[in-house]
C-alpha atoms as a PDB file:
ATOM      1  CA  MET A   1      95.383  98.631 143.304  1.00  0.00           C
ATOM      2  CA  GLU A   2      94.520 102.275 143.818  1.00  0.00           C
ATOM      3  CA  ARG A   3      95.464 104.960 141.264  1.00  0.00           C
ATOM      4  CA  HIS A   4      96.675 108.366 142.205  1.00  0.00           C
ATOM      5  CA  VAL A   5      94.594 111.081 140.482  1.00  0.00           C
ATOM      6  CA  ILE A   6      96.813 113.843 139.145  1.00  0.00           C
ATOM      7  CA  GLN A   7      95.109 117.030 138.070  1.00  0.00           C
ATOM      8  CA  LYS A   8      96.979 119.263 135.585  1.00  0.00           C
ATOM      9  CA  LYS A   9      96.493 123.038 135.352  1.00  0.00           C
ATOM     10  CA  TYR A  10      98.085 125.747 133.273  1.00  0.00           C
ATOM     11  CA  GLU A  11      98.679 129.214 134.581  1.00  0.00           C
ATOM     12  CA  PHE A  12      99.910 132.556 133.255  1.00  0.00           C
ATOM     13  CA  LEU A  13     101.769 134.887 135.578  1.00  0.00           C
ATOM     14  CA  ARG A  14     103.274 138.345 135.231  1.00  0.00           C
ATOM     15  CA  ILE A  15     105.435 140.166 137.765  1.00  0.00           C
ATOM     16  CA  ILE A  16     106.381 143.841 137.394  1.00  0.00           C
ATOM     17  CA  ASP A  17     109.124 145.286 139.538  1.00  0.00           C
ATOM     18  CA  ARG A  18     110.079 148.984 139.576  1.00  0.00           C
ATOM     19  CA  LEU A  19     113.638 149.630 140.778  1.00  0.00           C
ATOM     20  CA  GLU A  20     113.915 153.336 141.253  1.00  0.00           C
ATOM     21  CA  ASP A  21     117.511 153.065 142.594  1.00  0.00           C
ATOM     22  CA  GLU A  22     118.652 151.340 139.389  1.00  0.00           C
ATOM     23  CA  ASN A  23     116.258 153.218 137.041  1.00  0.00           C
ATOM     24  CA  LEU A  24     114.763 149.950 135.862  1.00  0.00           C
ATOM     25  CA  LEU A  25     111.358 148.474 135.117  1.00  0.00           C
ATOM     26  CA  ILE A  26     111.463 144.684 135.101  1.00  0.00           C
ATOM     27  CA  VAL A  27     108.685 142.606 133.532  1.00  0.00           C
ATOM     28  CA  ILE A  28     108.708 138.849 134.107  1.00  0.00           C
ATOM     29  CA  THR A  29     106.150 136.602 132.494  1.00  0.00           C
ATOM     30  CA  SER A  30     105.773 132.885 132.857  1.00  0.00           C
ATOM     31  CA  ILE A  31     103.513 130.064 131.643  1.00  0.00           C
ATOM     32  CA  ARG A  32     103.340 127.372 134.265  1.00  0.00           C
ATOM     33  CA  ASP A  33     102.326 123.763 134.125  1.00  0.00           C
ATOM     34  CA  ILE A  34     101.057 122.518 137.508  1.00  0.00           C
ATOM     35  CA  SER A  35     100.419 118.935 138.453  1.00  0.00           C
ATOM     36  CA  ASP A  36      98.458 118.364 141.641  1.00  0.00           C
ATOM     37  CA  ASP A  37      98.256 114.911 143.204  1.00  0.00           C
ATOM     38  CA  TRP A  38      95.187 115.312 145.459  1.00  0.00           C
ATOM     39  CA  LYS A  39      95.984 111.973 147.191  1.00  0.00           C
ATOM     40  CA  THR A  40      99.492 112.793 148.390  1.00  0.00           C
ATOM     41  CA  GLY A  41      99.137 116.566 148.285  1.00  0.00           C
ATOM     42  CA  ASN A  42     102.246 116.823 146.163  1.00  0.00           C
ATOM     43  CA  ILE A  43     102.303 119.800 143.796  1.00  0.00           C
ATOM     44  CA  ASN A  44     104.756 119.758 140.862  1.00  0.00           C
ATOM     45  CA  LEU A  45     105.222 123.244 139.325  1.00  0.00           C
ATOM     46  CA  LEU A  46     107.012 123.369 135.943  1.00  0.00           C
ATOM     47  CA  SER A  47     107.609 126.739 134.245  1.00  0.00           C
ATOM     48  CA  ARG A  48     107.410 125.852 130.636  1.00  0.00           C
ATOM     49  CA  HIS A  49     108.345 129.352 129.360  1.00  0.00           C
ATOM     50  CA  SER A  50     109.581 132.381 131.221  1.00  0.00           C
ATOM     51  CA  HIS A  51     110.849 135.624 129.850  1.00  0.00           C
ATOM     52  CA  SER A  52     112.065 138.759 131.572  1.00  0.00           C
ATOM     53  CA  LYS A  53     112.747 142.110 130.061  1.00  0.00           C
ATOM     54  CA  GLU A  54     114.266 145.300 131.533  1.00  0.00           C
ATOM     55  CA  PHE A  55     113.512 148.835 130.549  1.00  0.00           C
ATOM     56  CA  GLN A  56     115.025 152.131 131.557  1.00  0.00           C
ATOM     57  CA  LEU A  57     112.353 154.024 133.527  1.00  0.00           C
ATOM     58  CA  ASP A  58     112.612 157.066 131.337  1.00  0.00           C
ATOM     59  CA  ASN A  59     112.356 154.882 128.215  1.00  0.00           C
ATOM     60  CA  VAL A  60     109.526 152.333 128.729  1.00  0.00           C
ATOM     61  CA  PRO A  61     107.569 151.690 125.518  1.00  0.00           C
ATOM     62  CA  LYS A  62     103.937 152.755 125.568  1.00  0.00           C
ATOM     63  CA  ASN A  63     102.568 149.209 125.230  1.00  0.00           C
ATOM     64  CA  ILE A  64     104.594 148.166 128.241  1.00  0.00           C
ATOM     65  CA  GLN A  65     103.687 151.202 130.365  1.00  0.00           C
ATOM     66  CA  GLY A  66     100.078 150.061 130.621  1.00  0.00           C
ATOM     67  CA  LEU A  67     100.892 146.516 131.872  1.00  0.00           C
ATOM     68  CA  THR A  68      99.708 145.422 135.265  1.00  0.00           C
ATOM     69  CA  GLU A  69     100.696 142.463 137.299  1.00  0.00           C
ATOM     70  CA  VAL A  70      98.833 139.212 136.730  1.00  0.00           C
ATOM     71  CA  ALA A  71      98.490 136.839 139.684  1.00  0.00           C
ATOM     72  CA  PRO A  72      98.698 133.113 138.709  1.00  0.00           C
ATOM     73  CA  THR A  73      95.678 132.821 136.385  1.00  0.00           C
ATOM     74  CA  GLN A  74      94.349 129.501 135.147  1.00  0.00           C
ATOM     75  CA  ILE A  75      94.286 129.196 131.385  1.00  0.00           C
ATOM     76  CA  SER A  76      93.039 126.404 129.126  1.00  0.00           C
ATOM     77  CA  PRO A  77      95.330 123.817 127.518  1.00  0.00           C
ATOM     78  CA  ILE A  78      94.532 125.454 124.133  1.00  0.00           C
ATOM     79  CA  GLU A  79      95.539 128.952 125.471  1.00  0.00           C
ATOM     80  CA  PHE A  80      98.713 127.331 126.924  1.00  0.00           C
ATOM     81  CA  LEU A  81      99.638 125.892 123.493  1.00  0.00           C
ATOM     82  CA  LYS A  82      98.801 129.239 121.788  1.00  0.00           C
ATOM     83  CA  LEU A  83     101.035 131.088 124.252  1.00  0.00           C
ATOM     84  CA  THR A  84     103.817 128.602 123.916  1.00  0.00           C
ATOM     85  CA  LYS A  85     103.774 129.219 120.106  1.00  0.00           C
ATOM     86  CA  LEU A  86     103.512 132.952 120.582  1.00  0.00           C
ATOM     87  CA  TYR A  87     106.447 133.043 122.942  1.00  0.00           C
ATOM     88  CA  LYS A  88     108.692 131.366 120.367  1.00  0.00           C
ATOM     89  CA  ASN A  89     107.729 133.852 117.647  1.00  0.00           C
ATOM     90  CA  ASP A  90     106.919 137.064 119.393  1.00  0.00           C
ATOM     91  CA  VAL A  91     108.328 137.747 122.942  1.00  0.00           C
ATOM     92  CA  GLU A  92     106.797 141.273 122.971  1.00  0.00           C
ATOM     93  CA  SER A  93     103.274 139.914 122.465  1.00  0.00           C
ATOM     94  CA  PHE A  94     103.889 137.268 125.095  1.00  0.00           C
ATOM     95  CA  LEU A  95     104.873 139.966 127.608  1.00  0.00           C
ATOM     96  CA  ILE A  96     101.756 141.974 126.931  1.00  0.00           C
ATOM     97  CA  TYR A  97      99.356 138.961 126.840  1.00  0.00           C
ATOM     98  CA  ASN A  98      96.201 139.556 129.003  1.00  0.00           C
ATOM     99  CA  PRO A  99      94.255 136.485 130.020  1.00  0.00           C
ATOM    100  CA  LYS A 100      90.506 136.764 129.681  1.00  0.00           C
END
């Protein structure tokens, strides 16, 4: 009997959207758990933690102003656990987390 090999990855993602018409800056961050079955080609993407925050464009905090988008970036299982804990205790730090 053949076994399917499932590879797990963890990713951090940040999306920043500037809505001039609505005078809003939107920051969305997410930690994703991805399972990839290389035999079947199936990908299972689970967003463990996501958070979004809105700021008025004329009142964006300095620590948020310097943020850039982060494309899905692979992080280690240890970083994943650290971020999960951080998210529960400090959403602001989670939003400004920068992967190495």
